[in-house]
Protein backbone atom coordinates (compact mmCIF):
# COMPACT_ATOMS: atom_id res chain seq x y z
CA UNK A 1 46.82 144.41 108.84
CA UNK A 2 47.67 141.32 106.81
CA UNK A 3 46.23 142.78 103.69
CA UNK A 4 48.11 146.07 104.24
CA UNK A 5 51.39 144.05 104.67
CA UNK A 6 50.83 142.26 101.50
CA UNK A 7 50.09 145.46 99.59
CA UNK A 8 53.39 146.98 101.03
CA UNK A 9 55.38 144.04 99.87
CA UNK A 10 54.02 144.22 96.46
CA UNK A 11 54.65 148.03 96.34
CA UNK A 12 58.22 147.54 97.37
CA UNK A 13 58.81 144.95 94.89
CA UNK A 14 57.51 147.21 92.10
CA UNK A 15 59.80 150.05 93.26
CA UNK A 16 62.94 147.93 93.00
CA UNK A 17 64.12 147.86 89.38
CA UNK A 18 64.22 144.44 87.64
CA UNK A 19 68.02 145.10 86.81
CA UNK A 20 68.84 145.54 90.48
CA UNK A 21 67.07 142.26 91.34
CA UNK A 22 68.90 140.48 88.52
CA UNK A 23 72.31 141.94 89.53
CA UNK A 24 71.77 140.95 93.19
CA UNK A 25 71.19 137.42 91.93
CA UNK A 26 74.24 137.53 89.68
CA UNK A 27 76.45 138.60 92.60
CA UNK A 28 75.18 135.61 94.49
CA UNK A 29 75.95 133.39 91.60
CA UNK A 30 79.50 134.48 91.75
CA UNK A 31 79.79 132.64 94.98
CA UNK A 32 78.01 129.40 93.73
CA UNK A 33 79.38 125.83 93.28
CA UNK A 34 78.72 125.90 89.47
CA UNK A 35 81.91 127.16 87.61
CA UNK A 36 79.97 127.73 84.36
CA UNK A 37 77.31 129.77 86.28
CA UNK A 38 80.07 131.79 88.01
CA UNK A 39 81.74 132.67 84.81
CA UNK A 40 78.41 133.60 83.17
CA UNK A 41 77.57 135.78 86.07
CA UNK A 42 80.83 137.52 85.83
CA UNK A 43 80.56 138.11 82.14
CA UNK A 44 77.14 139.73 82.41
CA UNK A 45 78.00 141.90 85.36
CA UNK A 46 81.26 143.19 83.89
CA UNK A 47 79.48 143.92 80.51
CA UNK A 48 77.19 146.67 82.06
CA UNK A 49 77.79 150.34 81.58
CA UNK A 50 76.38 151.07 85.10
CA UNK A 51 79.14 152.54 87.28
CA UNK A 52 77.35 151.53 90.45
CA UNK A 53 77.01 147.93 89.42
CA UNK A 54 80.75 147.76 88.43
CA UNK A 55 81.83 149.28 91.67
CA UNK A 56 79.70 146.65 93.61
CA UNK A 57 81.20 143.92 91.35
CA UNK A 58 84.79 144.99 92.02
CA UNK A 59 84.08 145.28 95.76
CA UNK A 60 82.46 141.75 95.74
CA UNK A 61 85.48 140.27 93.73
CA UNK A 62 87.97 141.86 96.25
CA UNK A 63 86.03 140.51 99.20
CA UNK A 64 85.62 137.03 97.66
CA UNK A 65 89.34 136.76 96.74
CA UNK A 66 90.29 137.58 100.35
CA UNK A 67 87.85 134.96 101.77
CA UNK A 68 89.05 132.12 99.45
CA UNK A 69 92.73 133.10 100.08
CA UNK A 70 92.21 132.78 103.86
CA UNK A 71 90.53 129.44 103.29
CA UNK A 72 93.38 128.25 101.04
CA UNK A 73 96.00 129.46 103.54
CA UNK A 74 94.37 127.79 106.50
CA UNK A 75 93.77 124.44 104.51
CA UNK A 76 97.34 124.28 103.22
CA UNK A 77 98.84 125.23 106.57
CA UNK A 78 96.78 122.32 108.12
CA UNK A 79 97.93 119.95 105.44
CA UNK A 80 101.59 120.80 106.04
CA UNK A 81 101.30 120.19 109.64
CA UNK A 82 99.62 116.84 109.03
CA UNK A 83 102.45 115.93 106.68
CA UNK A 84 104.96 116.97 109.37
CA UNK A 85 103.31 114.92 111.99
CA UNK A 86 103.47 111.85 109.72
CA UNK A 87 107.15 112.19 108.90
CA UNK A 88 109.57 110.15 110.94
CA UNK A 89 113.11 111.12 111.90
CA UNK A 90 115.23 109.15 109.42
CA UNK A 91 118.71 108.00 110.44
CA UNK A 92 120.72 108.97 107.40
CA UNK A 93 124.18 108.29 108.79
CA UNK A 94 124.86 105.08 106.70
CA UNK A 95 123.62 106.57 103.52
CA UNK A 96 125.53 109.80 104.16
CA UNK A 97 128.63 107.82 104.67
CA UNK A 98 128.14 105.89 101.42
CA UNK A 99 127.42 109.12 99.63
CA UNK A 100 130.61 110.77 101.00
CA UNK A 101 132.69 107.70 99.92
CA UNK A 102 131.50 108.19 96.37
CA UNK A 103 132.16 111.90 96.56
CA UNK A 104 135.81 111.20 97.53
CA UNK A 105 135.96 108.73 94.57
CA UNK A 106 134.54 111.32 92.38
CA UNK A 107 131.67 108.98 91.44
CA UNK A 108 128.98 111.78 91.07
CA UNK A 109 126.77 109.52 88.98
CA UNK A 110 126.56 106.97 91.73
CA UNK A 111 126.22 109.59 94.34
CA UNK A 112 123.20 111.41 92.93
CA UNK A 113 120.56 108.65 93.57
CA UNK A 114 121.78 108.40 97.12
CA UNK A 115 121.37 112.11 97.64
CA UNK A 116 117.92 112.11 95.97
CA UNK A 117 116.88 109.10 98.36
CA UNK A 118 118.14 110.97 101.42
CA UNK A 119 116.44 114.21 100.32
CA UNK A 120 113.03 112.41 100.02
CA UNK A 121 113.49 110.87 103.39
CA UNK A 122 114.66 113.95 105.25
CA UNK A 123 112.51 116.75 103.63
CA UNK A 124 108.92 117.50 103.19
CA UNK A 125 107.39 117.23 99.70
CA UNK A 126 105.16 120.28 99.63
CA UNK A 127 103.42 118.98 96.42
CA UNK A 128 101.48 116.51 98.72
CA UNK A 129 99.87 119.35 100.57
CA UNK A 130 98.62 120.84 97.23
CA UNK A 131 96.81 117.59 96.42
CA UNK A 132 94.63 117.83 99.51
CA UNK A 133 90.94 118.53 98.13
CA UNK A 134 90.24 121.53 100.44
CA UNK A 135 93.71 123.02 99.32
CA UNK A 136 93.22 122.57 95.58
CA UNK A 137 89.61 123.58 95.64
CA UNK A 138 90.20 126.86 97.45
CA UNK A 139 93.28 127.58 95.36
CA UNK A 140 91.08 127.13 92.18
CA UNK A 141 88.72 129.72 93.45
CA UNK A 142 91.43 132.24 94.33
CA UNK A 143 92.97 131.89 90.85
CA UNK A 144 89.48 132.29 89.37
CA UNK A 145 88.64 135.47 91.03
CA UNK A 146 92.08 136.83 90.54
CA UNK A 147 91.58 136.25 86.75
CA UNK A 148 88.40 138.10 86.94
CA UNK A 149 90.00 141.11 88.76
CA UNK A 150 92.72 141.14 86.08
CA UNK A 151 90.13 141.21 83.35
CA UNK A 152 88.59 144.16 85.17
CA UNK A 153 92.08 145.90 84.94
CA UNK A 154 92.89 145.51 88.67
CA UNK A 155 96.47 144.91 89.69
CA UNK A 156 97.34 141.65 91.55
CA UNK A 157 97.55 141.99 95.36
CA UNK A 158 101.12 141.05 96.49
CA UNK A 159 99.55 140.01 100.02
CA UNK A 160 97.64 137.30 98.15
CA UNK A 161 100.24 135.87 95.86
CA UNK A 162 99.59 132.14 96.17
CA UNK A 163 103.19 131.13 94.86
CA UNK A 164 104.95 133.44 97.45
CA UNK A 165 102.71 132.39 100.33
CA UNK A 166 103.17 128.62 99.46
CA UNK A 167 106.95 129.04 99.29
CA UNK A 168 107.12 130.66 102.64
CA UNK A 169 105.05 127.86 104.23
CA UNK A 170 107.23 125.27 102.66
CA UNK A 171 110.51 126.97 103.76
CA UNK A 172 109.15 127.31 107.33
CA UNK A 173 108.32 123.52 107.31
CA UNK A 174 111.81 122.69 105.83
CA UNK A 175 113.57 124.76 108.46
CA UNK A 176 111.77 122.82 111.24
CA UNK A 177 113.24 119.57 109.72
CA UNK A 178 116.84 120.89 109.84
CA UNK A 179 119.17 120.56 112.87
CA UNK A 180 118.82 123.32 115.49
CA UNK A 181 122.19 124.70 114.73
CA UNK A 182 121.14 125.64 111.24
CA UNK A 183 117.64 126.93 111.78
CA UNK A 184 118.64 130.46 112.77
CA UNK A 185 120.71 130.96 109.69
CA UNK A 186 117.96 129.59 107.45
CA UNK A 187 115.50 131.95 109.05
CA UNK A 188 117.96 134.87 108.58
CA UNK A 189 118.13 133.84 104.91
CA UNK A 190 114.43 133.93 104.68
CA UNK A 191 114.48 137.58 105.80
CA UNK A 192 117.01 138.42 103.26
CA UNK A 193 115.24 136.73 100.34
CA UNK A 194 113.56 139.93 99.09
CA UNK A 195 116.98 141.53 98.54
CA UNK A 196 118.03 139.14 95.86
CA UNK A 197 116.48 137.48 92.92
CA UNK A 198 114.17 134.47 93.44
CA UNK A 199 116.27 132.12 91.27
CA UNK A 200 119.41 133.19 93.27
CA UNK A 201 117.64 132.32 96.50
CA UNK A 202 116.56 129.03 95.08
CA UNK A 203 120.10 128.05 94.40
CA UNK A 204 121.30 129.12 97.86
CA UNK A 205 118.47 127.22 99.56
CA UNK A 206 119.08 124.11 97.53
CA UNK A 207 122.90 124.29 98.20
CA UNK A 208 122.11 124.78 102.00
CA UNK A 209 119.66 121.82 102.15
CA UNK A 210 122.27 119.67 100.36
CA UNK A 211 125.05 120.67 102.70
CA UNK A 212 122.83 119.91 105.75
CA UNK A 213 122.10 116.39 104.30
CA UNK A 214 125.91 115.87 104.05
CA UNK A 215 126.43 116.95 107.69
CA UNK A 216 127.78 120.49 106.84
CA UNK A 217 126.53 123.75 108.25
CA UNK A 218 124.18 125.99 106.37
CA UNK A 219 125.62 129.25 104.96
CA UNK A 220 124.33 132.83 105.54
CA UNK A 221 123.38 134.83 102.53
CA UNK A 222 125.84 137.60 101.84
CA UNK A 223 123.85 140.14 99.82
CA UNK A 224 126.92 141.98 98.73
CA UNK A 225 128.41 138.81 97.46
CA UNK A 226 125.29 138.14 95.48
CA UNK A 227 125.72 141.56 93.91
CA UNK A 228 129.23 140.75 92.95
CA UNK A 229 128.21 137.39 91.48
CA UNK A 230 125.47 139.01 89.53
CA UNK A 231 127.72 141.60 88.13
CA UNK A 232 130.15 138.83 86.91
CA UNK A 233 127.39 136.82 85.41
CA UNK A 234 126.12 139.99 83.59
CA UNK A 235 129.74 140.80 82.48
CA UNK A 236 130.12 137.23 81.09
CA UNK A 237 126.94 137.45 79.12
CA UNK A 238 127.36 140.97 77.89
CA UNK A 239 131.05 140.62 76.87
CA UNK A 240 130.83 137.07 75.69
CA UNK A 241 133.39 135.37 77.94
CA UNK A 242 133.15 132.43 80.25
CA UNK A 243 135.82 132.41 82.97
CA UNK A 244 136.78 133.10 86.60
CA UNK A 245 139.31 135.68 85.23
CA UNK A 246 137.63 138.69 83.84
CA UNK A 247 139.10 140.83 81.14
CA UNK A 248 137.48 143.95 82.56
CA UNK A 249 139.55 146.31 84.48
CA UNK A 250 139.17 146.11 88.20
CA UNK A 251 137.31 142.91 87.98
CA UNK A 252 139.90 140.45 87.21
CA UNK A 253 139.49 137.87 90.07
CA UNK A 254 136.64 136.84 92.28
CA UNK A 255 138.39 138.66 95.06
CA UNK A 256 138.51 141.87 93.01
CA UNK A 257 134.82 141.57 92.28
CA UNK A 258 133.92 140.96 95.91
CA UNK A 259 136.08 143.94 97.05
CA UNK A 260 134.26 146.31 94.71
CA UNK A 261 131.05 145.32 96.64
CA UNK A 262 132.68 145.73 100.05
CA UNK A 263 132.87 142.06 100.88
CA UNK A 264 135.34 139.05 100.41
CA UNK A 265 135.40 135.96 98.28
CA UNK A 266 137.40 132.72 98.73
CA UNK A 267 136.09 130.51 96.00
CA UNK A 268 133.80 130.66 92.92
CA UNK A 269 131.52 128.57 90.77
CA UNK A 270 130.31 129.66 87.43
CA UNK A 271 127.76 128.06 84.96
CA UNK A 272 125.82 128.59 81.79
CA UNK A 273 122.36 126.71 81.96
CA UNK A 274 118.76 127.34 81.92
CA UNK A 275 117.54 127.10 85.45
CA UNK A 276 118.56 127.14 89.22
CA UNK A 277 118.15 123.43 89.45
CA UNK A 278 120.41 122.89 86.36
CA UNK A 279 122.98 125.07 87.95
CA UNK A 280 123.12 123.08 91.15
CA UNK A 281 123.31 119.69 89.51
CA UNK A 282 125.89 120.96 86.96
CA UNK A 283 128.21 121.91 89.81
CA UNK A 284 127.28 118.76 91.61
CA UNK A 285 128.66 116.63 88.76
CA UNK A 286 131.92 118.72 88.47
CA UNK A 287 134.46 117.83 91.19
CA UNK A 288 136.04 121.25 91.65
CA UNK A 289 132.62 123.01 91.85
CA UNK A 290 131.26 120.14 94.05
CA UNK A 291 134.17 120.63 96.52
CA UNK A 292 133.35 124.31 96.70
CA UNK A 293 129.75 123.46 97.57
CA UNK A 294 130.94 121.27 100.25
CA UNK A 295 133.66 123.62 101.63
CA UNK A 296 134.13 124.97 105.15
CA UNK A 297 132.59 128.26 104.46
CA UNK A 298 130.25 130.64 106.48
CA UNK A 299 128.69 132.74 103.74
CA UNK A 300 127.30 132.24 100.27
CA UNK A 301 126.25 134.55 97.28
CA UNK A 302 124.71 133.63 94.12
CA UNK A 303 124.34 136.03 91.06
CA UNK A 304 122.25 135.28 87.93
CA UNK A 305 121.88 137.00 84.62
CA UNK A 306 119.61 135.07 82.34
CA UNK A 307 121.46 131.76 81.64
CA UNK A 308 124.72 132.71 83.38
CA UNK A 309 125.35 131.86 87.03
CA UNK A 310 128.03 132.77 89.65
CA UNK A 311 128.18 131.20 93.07
CA UNK A 312 130.58 132.69 95.50
CA UNK A 313 131.70 131.48 98.96
């Protein structure tokens, strides 16, 4: 019986093509700890002309990406929760009062360091979560497999967008750190995020977090006001003017532009700069614009066209 079993095993080994054995090992190597070996395995597998092998490779890559994405998501979520547990509840009243005194004196240069200090004390720094070894290692593996899939001509899976998933985690954590009165509005804004451009949402979130630091209420996104602002930013860039008063018929004032989009506008900020962060700090250092950001509003809209920005309240 033992002799028969040995012969059966040998026969089976002879029947399995050597290429199939090698491919099976290469697929295992894709999961290994050695990055150089993983890349070599991918290169060899993807260079074959055998359709069955390529189909197996693609299925393995898709499965591996999903597995590592789940590991990354779990590790990062745990890291965020750990950071939240370690955060205290800072008393910002004294620093807020000093910042507001400087605001009233139009001392924006002196106010900015105070605001940055308050921001650091009150809000989570998500970069700290990304430094946790389990988070960084699993992210590296997701990026690696995504690169392989793209080299195979596969489109990215929106459900496994690392940037979008991390941003959502960070925003949810930030919302938990805000006063209860503002949390509902901020969650509603997250739901509206997909209807405006990412850089527009970034300005709105930054403005809201700043207002909350200063004791003001958060503002709800008005999508139509974003559309009106985006149109004005586009007009300014296209027609080469920079002003609240537009030379275009039916768009003369912020109120005219808002009405075109079936909404209302009470005040407007505009800027020419290269990023959402630059737009915020540019308005911060200009008293009229700064007053608008601190005003008694309920809604906000931001519209961007390349380096032109419009913020409406």
